[in-house]
Amino acid sequence: MWDGKFVISISGDGECGKDTAALFFSKYLGIPYLQSTSACVVDPWWKEIQDGWWSKSNLQRPIKDIIIEPDYYPSKQDFHTDRRNRRMDWVAYIEHFNMNYGHLGVGLYAKAVEDGNQVLTGIRRTDQFQRCLDYIVDVAIWINRPGTSHDESQEYDANMCTYVIENDGTIEELQDKCKDLSYLILTDLEYGKHTAVWIENMMDVIDNIHHG
């Protein structure tokens, strides 16, 4: 829990269905999912790029191995879309942000929750994830999609998570699995298995999941 809010994380290799699952869990748990981890940092990073912080000529670059000239990407959207080709750079920048903004080494994720996000996706480094488990995340979910290649930037696996969902069917089947797991999570919360937090109107949420 962080900032008095119940928080879940959704992890998995690239293209496994994390963002889709996040939308389903947001709906069924009644908690907001506003944006992905990368979307949380794209604005400050883009501003730094435009200000020349990441230019080759700047010998004080925060991360020496990352060079991005201000005119390399036509727009912030192009920069964000290209993250799939620069996963390790994004992982490194997120770690930089975590360690230099806020405290406890979870600056980005704390900011995301404080801004209203209660579903965190795309945490990739083991140390980042462990800090989130220690200070922020109440329930950790791993999405496994058979046939998806392992993403080298994804350091930890399902063994560090509370639950695993096998995304091995249609989107409708994934939705049903998220719905069923949401009911289980809320029921466990009611009986204090995860945390002492009480979600307002929890029984109404459970009833809506059960009958919806």
N, C-alpha and C. Protein backbone atom coordinates (compact mmCIF):
# COMPACT_ATOMS: atom_id res chain seq x y z
N MET A 1 0.84 -1.18 0.00
CA MET A 1 0.00 0.00 0.00
C MET A 1 0.88 1.24 0.00
N TRP A 2 0.44 2.25 -0.74
CA TRP A 2 1.17 3.52 -0.78
C TRP A 2 0.14 4.64 -0.81
N ASP A 3 0.38 5.67 -0.02
CA ASP A 3 -0.52 6.82 0.00
C ASP A 3 -1.93 6.39 0.38
N GLY A 4 -2.03 5.32 1.20
CA GLY A 4 -3.32 4.83 1.66
C GLY A 4 -4.14 4.11 0.62
N LYS A 5 -3.52 3.68 -0.48
CA LYS A 5 -4.26 3.07 -1.58
C LYS A 5 -3.84 1.62 -1.80
N PHE A 6 -4.81 0.79 -2.12
CA PHE A 6 -4.56 -0.60 -2.49
C PHE A 6 -4.00 -0.63 -3.91
N VAL A 7 -2.87 -1.32 -4.11
CA VAL A 7 -2.17 -1.29 -5.40
C VAL A 7 -1.87 -2.71 -5.86
N ILE A 8 -2.08 -2.98 -7.14
CA ILE A 8 -1.67 -4.25 -7.74
C ILE A 8 -0.63 -3.97 -8.83
N SER A 9 0.20 -4.95 -9.09
CA SER A 9 1.14 -4.87 -10.21
C SER A 9 0.84 -6.00 -11.18
N ILE A 10 1.09 -5.74 -12.45
CA ILE A 10 0.91 -6.75 -13.49
C ILE A 10 2.21 -6.84 -14.27
N SER A 11 2.80 -8.03 -14.28
CA SER A 11 4.10 -8.24 -14.91
C SER A 11 4.02 -9.35 -15.95
N GLY A 12 5.06 -9.43 -16.77
CA GLY A 12 5.15 -10.47 -17.79
C GLY A 12 6.07 -10.01 -18.90
N ASP A 13 6.39 -10.92 -19.79
CA ASP A 13 7.25 -10.58 -20.92
C ASP A 13 6.51 -9.64 -21.88
N GLY A 14 7.27 -9.01 -22.77
CA GLY A 14 6.68 -8.09 -23.73
C GLY A 14 5.59 -8.74 -24.56
N GLU A 15 4.51 -7.98 -24.80
CA GLU A 15 3.40 -8.43 -25.65
C GLU A 15 2.63 -9.61 -25.05
N CYS A 16 2.66 -9.76 -23.73
CA CYS A 16 1.94 -10.88 -23.11
C CYS A 16 0.50 -10.53 -22.77
N GLY A 17 0.14 -9.25 -22.83
CA GLY A 17 -1.23 -8.85 -22.52
C GLY A 17 -1.36 -8.06 -21.23
N LYS A 18 -0.27 -7.47 -20.75
CA LYS A 18 -0.31 -6.75 -19.46
C LYS A 18 -1.29 -5.59 -19.48
N ASP A 19 -1.21 -4.75 -20.51
CA ASP A 19 -2.07 -3.57 -20.54
C ASP A 19 -3.54 -3.94 -20.67
N THR A 20 -3.81 -4.97 -21.46
CA THR A 20 -5.20 -5.43 -21.60
C THR A 20 -5.71 -5.96 -20.27
N ALA A 21 -4.89 -6.77 -19.60
CA ALA A 21 -5.28 -7.30 -18.29
C ALA A 21 -5.47 -6.17 -17.29
N ALA A 22 -4.62 -5.14 -17.37
CA ALA A 22 -4.72 -4.01 -16.44
C ALA A 22 -6.08 -3.34 -16.56
N LEU A 23 -6.57 -3.20 -17.78
CA LEU A 23 -7.88 -2.59 -17.98
C LEU A 23 -8.99 -3.45 -17.37
N PHE A 24 -8.87 -4.76 -17.53
CA PHE A 24 -9.87 -5.65 -16.93
C PHE A 24 -9.83 -5.59 -15.41
N PHE A 25 -8.65 -5.64 -14.82
CA PHE A 25 -8.55 -5.59 -13.36
C PHE A 25 -9.03 -4.24 -12.82
N SER A 26 -8.76 -3.18 -13.54
CA SER A 26 -9.26 -1.88 -13.14
C SER A 26 -10.78 -1.88 -13.07
N LYS A 27 -11.39 -2.49 -14.06
CA LYS A 27 -12.85 -2.57 -14.10
C LYS A 27 -13.40 -3.41 -12.96
N TYR A 28 -12.83 -4.59 -12.77
CA TYR A 28 -13.43 -5.53 -11.82
C TYR A 28 -13.04 -5.28 -10.37
N LEU A 29 -11.86 -4.68 -10.15
CA LEU A 29 -11.46 -4.35 -8.78
C LEU A 29 -11.93 -2.97 -8.37
N GLY A 30 -12.37 -2.18 -9.34
CA GLY A 30 -12.85 -0.85 -9.02
C GLY A 30 -11.74 0.11 -8.64
N ILE A 31 -10.53 -0.08 -9.23
CA ILE A 31 -9.40 0.81 -8.96
C ILE A 31 -8.88 1.35 -10.29
N PRO A 32 -8.34 2.58 -10.30
CA PRO A 32 -7.95 3.20 -11.58
C PRO A 32 -6.65 2.68 -12.17
N TYR A 33 -6.68 2.47 -13.47
CA TYR A 33 -5.47 2.23 -14.27
C TYR A 33 -5.41 3.37 -15.27
N LEU A 34 -4.48 4.30 -15.05
CA LEU A 34 -4.44 5.51 -15.86
C LEU A 34 -3.46 5.41 -17.02
N GLN A 35 -2.31 4.79 -16.78
CA GLN A 35 -1.30 4.69 -17.83
C GLN A 35 -0.23 3.70 -17.44
N SER A 36 0.55 3.27 -18.44
CA SER A 36 1.62 2.32 -18.20
C SER A 36 2.81 3.01 -17.53
N THR A 37 3.76 2.19 -17.07
CA THR A 37 4.96 2.73 -16.44
C THR A 37 5.71 3.66 -17.39
N SER A 38 5.86 3.25 -18.64
CA SER A 38 6.60 4.08 -19.59
C SER A 38 5.90 5.42 -19.83
N ALA A 39 4.57 5.39 -19.84
CA ALA A 39 3.82 6.63 -20.06
C ALA A 39 4.00 7.60 -18.90
N CYS A 40 4.28 7.06 -17.71
CA CYS A 40 4.48 7.92 -16.55
C CYS A 40 5.76 8.75 -16.64
N VAL A 41 6.76 8.25 -17.39
CA VAL A 41 8.04 8.97 -17.45
C VAL A 41 8.30 9.62 -18.80
N VAL A 42 7.43 9.41 -19.78
CA VAL A 42 7.72 9.92 -21.11
C VAL A 42 7.78 11.45 -21.12
N ASP A 43 6.92 12.11 -20.36
CA ASP A 43 6.93 13.58 -20.35
C ASP A 43 8.23 14.15 -19.79
N PRO A 44 8.67 13.74 -18.58
CA PRO A 44 9.93 14.30 -18.08
C PRO A 44 11.14 13.91 -18.94
N TRP A 45 11.16 12.68 -19.45
CA TRP A 45 12.30 12.27 -20.27
C TRP A 45 12.33 13.05 -21.59
N TRP A 46 11.17 13.21 -22.20
CA TRP A 46 11.10 13.96 -23.46
C TRP A 46 11.58 15.40 -23.25
N LYS A 47 11.20 16.01 -22.16
CA LYS A 47 11.65 17.37 -21.87
C LYS A 47 13.17 17.41 -21.72
N GLU A 48 13.73 16.44 -21.03
CA GLU A 48 15.19 16.37 -20.87
C GLU A 48 15.88 16.22 -22.23
N ILE A 49 15.28 15.39 -23.10
CA ILE A 49 15.86 15.20 -24.43
C ILE A 49 15.84 16.51 -25.21
N GLN A 50 14.72 17.20 -25.18
CA GLN A 50 14.61 18.46 -25.90
C GLN A 50 15.53 19.53 -25.32
N ASP A 51 15.82 19.43 -24.04
CA ASP A 51 16.74 20.38 -23.39
C ASP A 51 18.21 20.02 -23.60
N GLY A 52 18.47 18.90 -24.30
CA GLY A 52 19.84 18.52 -24.64
C GLY A 52 20.58 17.70 -23.59
N TRP A 53 19.86 17.25 -22.56
CA TRP A 53 20.53 16.47 -21.50
C TRP A 53 21.14 15.20 -22.05
N TRP A 54 20.53 14.61 -23.08
CA TRP A 54 20.95 13.29 -23.55
C TRP A 54 21.72 13.35 -24.86
N SER A 55 22.17 14.55 -25.24
CA SER A 55 22.98 14.72 -26.44
C SER A 55 24.39 14.18 -26.22
N LYS A 56 25.01 13.75 -27.32
CA LYS A 56 26.38 13.24 -27.24
C LYS A 56 27.33 14.30 -26.72
N SER A 57 27.04 15.55 -27.04
CA SER A 57 27.91 16.65 -26.62
C SER A 57 27.85 16.94 -25.13
N ASN A 58 26.82 16.43 -24.47
CA ASN A 58 26.69 16.66 -23.03
C ASN A 58 27.44 15.55 -22.28
N LEU A 59 28.62 15.87 -21.80
CA LEU A 59 29.43 14.87 -21.12
C LEU A 59 28.91 14.57 -19.72
N GLN A 60 27.89 15.29 -19.28
CA GLN A 60 27.29 15.05 -17.96
C GLN A 60 25.97 14.31 -18.08
N ARG A 61 25.81 13.57 -19.18
CA ARG A 61 24.57 12.80 -19.34
C ARG A 61 24.33 11.92 -18.11
N PRO A 62 23.08 11.86 -17.63
CA PRO A 62 22.80 11.04 -16.44
C PRO A 62 23.17 9.57 -16.59
N ILE A 63 23.01 9.03 -17.81
CA ILE A 63 23.40 7.64 -18.11
C ILE A 63 24.27 7.69 -19.35
N LYS A 64 25.55 7.40 -19.20
CA LYS A 64 26.53 7.63 -20.26
C LYS A 64 26.24 6.85 -21.54
N ASP A 65 25.66 5.65 -21.40
CA ASP A 65 25.46 4.80 -22.57
C ASP A 65 24.24 5.19 -23.40
N ILE A 66 23.43 6.12 -22.92
CA ILE A 66 22.24 6.53 -23.65
C ILE A 66 22.49 7.88 -24.31
N ILE A 67 22.37 7.91 -25.64
CA ILE A 67 22.52 9.15 -26.39
C ILE A 67 21.28 9.33 -27.26
N ILE A 68 20.58 10.43 -27.07
CA ILE A 68 19.40 10.75 -27.88
C ILE A 68 19.46 12.25 -28.18
N GLU A 69 19.67 12.58 -29.43
CA GLU A 69 19.73 13.99 -29.81
C GLU A 69 18.31 14.59 -29.85
N PRO A 70 18.20 15.89 -29.59
CA PRO A 70 16.88 16.52 -29.55
C PRO A 70 16.05 16.37 -30.81
N ASP A 71 16.72 16.27 -31.98
CA ASP A 71 15.99 16.17 -33.24
C ASP A 71 15.88 14.74 -33.77
N TYR A 72 16.26 13.76 -32.96
CA TYR A 72 16.25 12.37 -33.44
C TYR A 72 14.83 11.87 -33.69
N TYR A 73 13.91 12.21 -32.79
CA TYR A 73 12.51 11.80 -32.95
C TYR A 73 11.66 13.00 -33.35
N PRO A 74 10.77 12.82 -34.31
CA PRO A 74 9.93 13.94 -34.74
C PRO A 74 8.97 14.43 -33.65
N SER A 75 8.56 13.51 -32.77
CA SER A 75 7.58 13.90 -31.75
C SER A 75 7.73 13.01 -30.52
N LYS A 76 7.13 13.45 -29.46
CA LYS A 76 7.12 12.66 -28.22
C LYS A 76 6.43 11.32 -28.45
N GLN A 77 5.37 11.31 -29.25
CA GLN A 77 4.66 10.06 -29.54
C GLN A 77 5.56 9.07 -30.27
N ASP A 78 6.34 9.56 -31.23
CA ASP A 78 7.28 8.69 -31.95
C ASP A 78 8.32 8.11 -30.99
N PHE A 79 8.80 8.95 -30.08
CA PHE A 79 9.77 8.51 -29.09
C PHE A 79 9.18 7.41 -28.22
N HIS A 80 7.96 7.61 -27.75
CA HIS A 80 7.33 6.62 -26.88
C HIS A 80 7.03 5.33 -27.63
N THR A 81 6.57 5.45 -28.86
CA THR A 81 6.24 4.27 -29.66
C THR A 81 7.47 3.41 -29.93
N ASP A 82 8.62 4.04 -30.05
CA ASP A 82 9.87 3.33 -30.38
C ASP A 82 10.48 2.64 -29.16
N ARG A 83 9.83 2.70 -28.02
CA ARG A 83 10.42 2.11 -26.80
C ARG A 83 10.65 0.61 -26.96
N ARG A 84 9.89 -0.06 -27.78
CA ARG A 84 10.08 -1.51 -27.97
C ARG A 84 11.45 -1.82 -28.57
N ASN A 85 12.03 -0.86 -29.27
CA ASN A 85 13.37 -1.04 -29.84
C ASN A 85 14.47 -0.55 -28.92
N ARG A 86 14.06 0.02 -27.77
CA ARG A 86 15.05 0.55 -26.83
C ARG A 86 14.69 0.13 -25.42
N ARG A 87 14.27 -1.10 -25.25
CA ARG A 87 13.76 -1.53 -23.94
C ARG A 87 14.80 -1.33 -22.84
N MET A 88 16.04 -1.68 -23.10
CA MET A 88 17.06 -1.57 -22.06
C MET A 88 17.32 -0.11 -21.68
N ASP A 89 17.21 0.79 -22.65
CA ASP A 89 17.35 2.22 -22.35
C ASP A 89 16.21 2.68 -21.44
N TRP A 90 15.01 2.24 -21.74
CA TRP A 90 13.87 2.63 -20.91
C TRP A 90 13.99 2.05 -19.50
N VAL A 91 14.44 0.80 -19.41
CA VAL A 91 14.64 0.20 -18.09
C VAL A 91 15.66 1.01 -17.29
N ALA A 92 16.75 1.39 -17.95
CA ALA A 92 17.80 2.16 -17.28
C ALA A 92 17.29 3.53 -16.85
N TYR A 93 16.51 4.19 -17.71
CA TYR A 93 16.00 5.51 -17.34
C TYR A 93 15.02 5.41 -16.19
N ILE A 94 14.16 4.40 -16.21
CA ILE A 94 13.21 4.23 -15.11
C ILE A 94 13.93 4.00 -13.79
N GLU A 95 15.02 3.22 -13.83
CA GLU A 95 15.81 3.03 -12.62
C GLU A 95 16.42 4.36 -12.17
N HIS A 96 16.93 5.14 -13.11
CA HIS A 96 17.47 6.47 -12.80
C HIS A 96 16.39 7.33 -12.15
N PHE A 97 15.20 7.32 -12.70
CA PHE A 97 14.10 8.12 -12.16
C PHE A 97 13.74 7.64 -10.76
N ASN A 98 13.65 6.33 -10.59
CA ASN A 98 13.30 5.77 -9.28
C ASN A 98 14.29 6.21 -8.20
N MET A 99 15.56 6.20 -8.53
CA MET A 99 16.59 6.46 -7.53
C MET A 99 16.80 7.94 -7.26
N ASN A 100 16.39 8.79 -8.20
CA ASN A 100 16.71 10.21 -8.07
C ASN A 100 15.51 11.11 -7.80
N TYR A 101 14.33 10.57 -7.89
CA TYR A 101 13.13 11.36 -7.62
C TYR A 101 12.32 10.63 -6.55
N GLY A 102 12.04 11.31 -5.48
CA GLY A 102 11.34 10.67 -4.37
C GLY A 102 12.33 9.97 -3.46
N HIS A 103 11.89 8.87 -2.83
CA HIS A 103 12.75 8.17 -1.89
C HIS A 103 12.45 6.68 -1.90
N LEU A 104 13.25 5.93 -1.20
CA LEU A 104 13.12 4.48 -1.07
C LEU A 104 13.38 3.74 -2.38
N GLY A 105 13.86 4.45 -3.40
CA GLY A 105 14.15 3.80 -4.67
C GLY A 105 12.93 3.41 -5.47
N VAL A 106 11.78 4.01 -5.17
CA VAL A 106 10.54 3.70 -5.90
C VAL A 106 9.87 4.99 -6.36
N GLY A 107 10.68 6.00 -6.71
CA GLY A 107 10.15 7.31 -7.03
C GLY A 107 9.09 7.31 -8.11
N LEU A 108 9.33 6.60 -9.21
CA LEU A 108 8.36 6.58 -10.31
C LEU A 108 7.05 5.95 -9.89
N TYR A 109 7.14 4.79 -9.24
CA TYR A 109 5.93 4.06 -8.89
C TYR A 109 5.14 4.78 -7.80
N ALA A 110 5.86 5.40 -6.86
CA ALA A 110 5.18 6.20 -5.83
C ALA A 110 4.45 7.36 -6.48
N LYS A 111 5.11 8.02 -7.43
CA LYS A 111 4.47 9.14 -8.13
C LYS A 111 3.24 8.67 -8.89
N ALA A 112 3.34 7.51 -9.54
CA ALA A 112 2.20 6.99 -10.30
C ALA A 112 0.99 6.77 -9.40
N VAL A 113 1.23 6.21 -8.21
CA VAL A 113 0.12 5.97 -7.27
C VAL A 113 -0.42 7.28 -6.73
N GLU A 114 0.47 8.17 -6.36
CA GLU A 114 0.04 9.47 -5.84
C GLU A 114 -0.77 10.25 -6.88
N ASP A 115 -0.49 10.00 -8.17
CA ASP A 115 -1.23 10.65 -9.25
C ASP A 115 -2.55 9.95 -9.55
N GLY A 116 -2.84 8.87 -8.83
CA GLY A 116 -4.13 8.21 -8.98
C GLY A 116 -4.10 6.84 -9.62
N ASN A 117 -2.92 6.34 -9.98
CA ASN A 117 -2.81 5.02 -10.62
C ASN A 117 -2.72 3.94 -9.54
N GLN A 118 -3.58 2.93 -9.57
CA GLN A 118 -3.51 1.84 -8.60
C GLN A 118 -3.23 0.49 -9.25
N VAL A 119 -2.95 0.51 -10.55
CA VAL A 119 -2.52 -0.68 -11.28
C VAL A 119 -1.19 -0.33 -11.95
N LEU A 120 -0.12 -0.99 -11.53
CA LEU A 120 1.20 -0.73 -12.09
C LEU A 120 1.58 -1.83 -13.06
N THR A 121 2.04 -1.45 -14.23
CA THR A 121 2.45 -2.44 -15.23
C THR A 121 3.88 -2.16 -15.68
N GLY A 122 4.56 -3.20 -16.14
CA GLY A 122 5.85 -3.02 -16.78
C GLY A 122 7.04 -2.84 -15.86
N ILE A 123 6.94 -3.25 -14.59
CA ILE A 123 8.11 -3.22 -13.72
C ILE A 123 9.00 -4.38 -14.16
N ARG A 124 10.26 -4.10 -14.50
CA ARG A 124 11.08 -5.11 -15.15
C ARG A 124 12.28 -5.58 -14.34
N ARG A 125 12.88 -4.72 -13.57
CA ARG A 125 14.07 -5.11 -12.83
C ARG A 125 13.69 -5.75 -11.50
N THR A 126 14.44 -6.78 -11.13
CA THR A 126 14.15 -7.51 -9.90
C THR A 126 14.23 -6.60 -8.69
N ASP A 127 15.26 -5.76 -8.61
CA ASP A 127 15.40 -4.90 -7.44
C ASP A 127 14.29 -3.87 -7.36
N GLN A 128 13.86 -3.33 -8.52
CA GLN A 128 12.75 -2.39 -8.52
C GLN A 128 11.48 -3.08 -8.03
N PHE A 129 11.27 -4.29 -8.55
CA PHE A 129 10.05 -5.02 -8.19
C PHE A 129 10.04 -5.37 -6.71
N GLN A 130 11.19 -5.79 -6.18
CA GLN A 130 11.24 -6.13 -4.77
C GLN A 130 10.95 -4.90 -3.90
N ARG A 131 11.47 -3.75 -4.29
CA ARG A 131 11.18 -2.53 -3.54
C ARG A 131 9.70 -2.20 -3.60
N CYS A 132 9.09 -2.43 -4.75
CA CYS A 132 7.65 -2.20 -4.87
C CYS A 132 6.87 -3.15 -3.97
N LEU A 133 7.29 -4.42 -3.92
CA LEU A 133 6.63 -5.37 -3.03
C LEU A 133 6.80 -4.96 -1.57
N ASP A 134 7.94 -4.39 -1.25
CA ASP A 134 8.22 -3.99 0.13
C ASP A 134 7.40 -2.76 0.55
N TYR A 135 7.20 -1.82 -0.40
CA TYR A 135 6.65 -0.52 0.00
C TYR A 135 5.33 -0.13 -0.66
N ILE A 136 4.98 -0.73 -1.80
CA ILE A 136 3.84 -0.20 -2.56
C ILE A 136 2.79 -1.25 -2.90
N VAL A 137 3.23 -2.37 -3.49
CA VAL A 137 2.30 -3.32 -4.11
C VAL A 137 1.73 -4.29 -3.09
N ASP A 138 0.40 -4.46 -3.14
CA ASP A 138 -0.29 -5.41 -2.26
C ASP A 138 -0.45 -6.77 -2.90
N VAL A 139 -0.74 -6.79 -4.20
CA VAL A 139 -0.94 -8.05 -4.92
C VAL A 139 -0.19 -7.97 -6.25
N ALA A 140 0.62 -8.98 -6.55
CA ALA A 140 1.40 -9.01 -7.78
C ALA A 140 0.88 -10.13 -8.69
N ILE A 141 0.62 -9.79 -9.94
CA ILE A 141 0.05 -10.73 -10.91
C ILE A 141 1.00 -10.88 -12.09
N TRP A 142 1.22 -12.11 -12.49
CA TRP A 142 2.07 -12.40 -13.66
C TRP A 142 1.17 -12.90 -14.79
N ILE A 143 1.33 -12.32 -15.98
CA ILE A 143 0.61 -12.78 -17.17
C ILE A 143 1.56 -13.62 -18.01
N ASN A 144 1.22 -14.87 -18.22
CA ASN A 144 2.04 -15.77 -19.03
C ASN A 144 1.33 -16.05 -20.35
N ARG A 145 1.98 -15.71 -21.43
CA ARG A 145 1.41 -15.97 -22.75
C ARG A 145 2.29 -16.97 -23.48
N PRO A 146 1.85 -18.21 -23.62
CA PRO A 146 2.65 -19.22 -24.31
C PRO A 146 3.02 -18.77 -25.73
N GLY A 147 4.27 -19.01 -26.09
CA GLY A 147 4.73 -18.64 -27.42
C GLY A 147 5.37 -17.26 -27.48
N THR A 148 5.23 -16.49 -26.40
CA THR A 148 5.87 -15.17 -26.36
C THR A 148 7.34 -15.35 -26.02
N SER A 149 8.21 -14.72 -26.79
CA SER A 149 9.63 -14.85 -26.53
C SER A 149 10.01 -14.08 -25.27
N HIS A 150 11.03 -14.59 -24.57
CA HIS A 150 11.46 -13.94 -23.34
C HIS A 150 12.09 -12.59 -23.65
N ASP A 151 11.72 -11.61 -22.88
CA ASP A 151 12.24 -10.26 -23.02
C ASP A 151 13.44 -10.11 -22.09
N GLU A 152 14.61 -9.81 -22.64
CA GLU A 152 15.82 -9.74 -21.83
C GLU A 152 15.76 -8.67 -20.76
N SER A 153 14.92 -7.66 -20.95
CA SER A 153 14.81 -6.61 -19.94
C SER A 153 13.93 -7.03 -18.76
N GLN A 154 13.21 -8.15 -18.92
CA GLN A 154 12.36 -8.66 -17.85
C GLN A 154 13.17 -9.62 -16.99
N GLU A 155 13.64 -9.14 -15.82
CA GLU A 155 14.61 -9.91 -15.03
C GLU A 155 13.97 -10.99 -14.16
N TYR A 156 12.87 -10.70 -13.52
CA TYR A 156 12.25 -11.68 -12.62
C TYR A 156 11.16 -12.45 -13.35
N ASP A 157 10.58 -13.43 -12.67
CA ASP A 157 9.56 -14.24 -13.32
C ASP A 157 8.36 -14.43 -12.40
N ALA A 158 7.52 -15.38 -12.76
CA ALA A 158 6.27 -15.59 -12.04
C ALA A 158 6.47 -15.99 -10.58
N ASN A 159 7.63 -16.51 -10.25
CA ASN A 159 7.87 -16.97 -8.88
C ASN A 159 7.82 -15.86 -7.85
N MET A 160 7.98 -14.61 -8.28
CA MET A 160 7.93 -13.49 -7.34
C MET A 160 6.53 -12.91 -7.20
N CYS A 161 5.58 -13.46 -7.95
CA CYS A 161 4.24 -12.89 -7.97
C CYS A 161 3.25 -13.70 -7.13
N THR A 162 2.17 -13.04 -6.76
CA THR A 162 1.13 -13.68 -5.95
C THR A 162 0.29 -14.65 -6.77
N TYR A 163 -0.06 -14.24 -7.97
CA TYR A 163 -0.92 -15.05 -8.84
C TYR A 163 -0.35 -15.08 -10.27
N VAL A 164 -0.71 -16.12 -11.01
CA VAL A 164 -0.32 -16.25 -12.42
C VAL A 164 -1.58 -16.49 -13.25
N ILE A 165 -1.69 -15.77 -14.34
CA ILE A 165 -2.77 -15.98 -15.29
C ILE A 165 -2.17 -16.51 -16.59
N GLU A 166 -2.71 -17.60 -17.07
CA GLU A 166 -2.28 -18.15 -18.36
C GLU A 166 -3.12 -17.51 -19.46
N ASN A 167 -2.49 -16.64 -20.22
CA ASN A 167 -3.17 -15.96 -21.32
C ASN A 167 -2.98 -16.80 -22.59
N ASP A 168 -3.71 -17.90 -22.64
CA ASP A 168 -3.51 -18.89 -23.71
C ASP A 168 -4.74 -19.07 -24.58
N GLY A 169 -5.61 -18.07 -24.57
CA GLY A 169 -6.83 -18.18 -25.37
C GLY A 169 -7.22 -16.86 -25.99
N THR A 170 -8.51 -16.63 -26.09
CA THR A 170 -9.02 -15.41 -26.68
C THR A 170 -9.01 -14.27 -25.66
N ILE A 171 -9.26 -13.07 -26.14
CA ILE A 171 -9.33 -11.93 -25.23
C ILE A 171 -10.51 -12.06 -24.28
N GLU A 172 -11.56 -12.71 -24.77
CA GLU A 172 -12.73 -12.94 -23.89
C GLU A 172 -12.38 -13.91 -22.77
N GLU A 173 -11.56 -14.90 -23.07
CA GLU A 173 -11.14 -15.84 -22.04
C GLU A 173 -10.20 -15.16 -21.03
N LEU A 174 -9.34 -14.26 -21.52
CA LEU A 174 -8.50 -13.48 -20.60
C LEU A 174 -9.37 -12.62 -19.70
N GLN A 175 -10.39 -12.02 -20.27
CA GLN A 175 -11.28 -11.19 -19.47
C GLN A 175 -11.95 -12.01 -18.37
N ASP A 176 -12.39 -13.21 -18.70
CA ASP A 176 -13.04 -14.07 -17.70
C ASP A 176 -12.05 -14.44 -16.59
N LYS A 177 -10.81 -14.71 -16.95
CA LYS A 177 -9.81 -15.07 -15.94
C LYS A 177 -9.51 -13.88 -15.02
N CYS A 178 -9.45 -12.70 -15.59
CA CYS A 178 -9.23 -11.50 -14.77
C CYS A 178 -10.43 -11.25 -13.85
N LYS A 179 -11.59 -11.50 -14.36
CA LYS A 179 -12.80 -11.32 -13.56
C LYS A 179 -12.82 -12.30 -12.39
N ASP A 180 -12.52 -13.57 -12.65
CA ASP A 180 -12.52 -14.58 -11.59
C ASP A 180 -11.44 -14.28 -10.55
N LEU A 181 -10.26 -13.86 -11.00
CA LEU A 181 -9.19 -13.57 -10.06
C LEU A 181 -9.52 -12.32 -9.25
N SER A 182 -10.18 -11.35 -9.85
CA SER A 182 -10.59 -10.15 -9.11
C SER A 182 -11.52 -10.52 -7.96
N TYR A 183 -12.44 -11.43 -8.24
CA TYR A 183 -13.36 -11.89 -7.19
C TYR A 183 -12.58 -12.55 -6.05
N LEU A 184 -11.59 -13.37 -6.40
CA LEU A 184 -10.77 -14.03 -5.39
C LEU A 184 -9.97 -13.01 -4.58
N ILE A 185 -9.39 -12.03 -5.26
CA ILE A 185 -8.59 -11.02 -4.57
C ILE A 185 -9.45 -10.23 -3.59
N LEU A 186 -10.61 -9.81 -4.03
CA LEU A 186 -11.50 -9.03 -3.16
C LEU A 186 -12.00 -9.86 -1.99
N THR A 187 -12.27 -11.13 -2.26
CA THR A 187 -12.71 -12.02 -1.17
C THR A 187 -11.58 -12.20 -0.16
N ASP A 188 -10.35 -12.39 -0.64
CA ASP A 188 -9.21 -12.52 0.27
C ASP A 188 -8.97 -11.23 1.05
N LEU A 189 -9.17 -10.10 0.41
CA LEU A 189 -9.02 -8.82 1.11
C LEU A 189 -10.05 -8.71 2.24
N GLU A 190 -11.25 -9.17 1.94
CA GLU A 190 -12.31 -9.11 2.95
C GLU A 190 -11.91 -9.86 4.21
N TYR A 191 -11.21 -10.97 4.03
CA TYR A 191 -10.82 -11.80 5.17
C TYR A 191 -9.38 -11.54 5.61
N GLY A 192 -8.76 -10.48 5.05
CA GLY A 192 -7.45 -10.04 5.54
C GLY A 192 -6.28 -10.91 5.13
N LYS A 193 -6.39 -11.64 4.02
CA LYS A 193 -5.28 -12.52 3.63
C LYS A 193 -4.13 -11.76 2.98
N HIS A 194 -4.43 -10.61 2.35
CA HIS A 194 -3.37 -9.86 1.70
C HIS A 194 -2.92 -8.67 2.55
N THR A 195 -3.85 -7.94 3.07
CA THR A 195 -3.53 -6.71 3.80
C THR A 195 -4.74 -6.31 4.62
N ALA A 196 -4.52 -5.43 5.56
CA ALA A 196 -5.61 -4.98 6.41
C ALA A 196 -6.46 -3.91 5.75
N VAL A 197 -6.08 -3.48 4.53
CA VAL A 197 -6.82 -2.40 3.88
C VAL A 197 -8.26 -2.82 3.60
N TRP A 198 -9.17 -1.90 3.73
CA TRP A 198 -10.58 -2.14 3.44
C TRP A 198 -10.98 -1.27 2.26
N ILE A 199 -11.48 -1.87 1.21
CA ILE A 199 -11.92 -1.10 0.06
C ILE A 199 -13.36 -0.67 0.29
N GLU A 200 -13.60 0.62 0.15
CA GLU A 200 -14.94 1.16 0.37
C GLU A 200 -15.95 0.47 -0.56
N ASN A 201 -17.08 0.09 0.04
CA ASN A 201 -18.15 -0.59 -0.72
C ASN A 201 -17.67 -1.91 -1.32
N MET A 202 -16.76 -2.60 -0.62
CA MET A 202 -16.17 -3.83 -1.17
C MET A 202 -17.23 -4.89 -1.51
N MET A 203 -18.21 -5.05 -0.64
CA MET A 203 -19.20 -6.09 -0.89
C MET A 203 -20.02 -5.78 -2.13
N ASP A 204 -20.26 -4.51 -2.41
CA ASP A 204 -20.97 -4.15 -3.64
C ASP A 204 -20.13 -4.51 -4.87
N VAL A 205 -18.82 -4.26 -4.78
CA VAL A 205 -17.93 -4.59 -5.89
C VAL A 205 -17.93 -6.10 -6.12
N ILE A 206 -17.78 -6.87 -5.04
CA ILE A 206 -17.79 -8.32 -5.15
C ILE A 206 -19.09 -8.81 -5.76
N ASP A 207 -20.20 -8.25 -5.31
CA ASP A 207 -21.51 -8.68 -5.83
C ASP A 207 -21.63 -8.36 -7.32
N ASN A 208 -21.09 -7.21 -7.72
CA ASN A 208 -21.16 -6.84 -9.14
C ASN A 208 -20.31 -7.79 -9.99
N ILE A 209 -19.14 -8.20 -9.48
CA ILE A 209 -18.29 -9.15 -10.20
C ILE A 209 -19.00 -10.50 -10.30
N HIS A 210 -19.57 -10.93 -9.19
CA HIS A 210 -20.17 -12.26 -9.14
C HIS A 210 -21.36 -12.38 -10.08
N HIS A 211 -22.12 -11.30 -10.21
CA HIS A 211 -23.35 -11.37 -10.99
C HIS A 211 -23.23 -10.66 -12.34
N GLY A 212 -22.13 -9.90 -12.54
CA GLY A 212 -21.99 -9.11 -13.76
C GLY A 212 -21.47 -9.91 -14.94
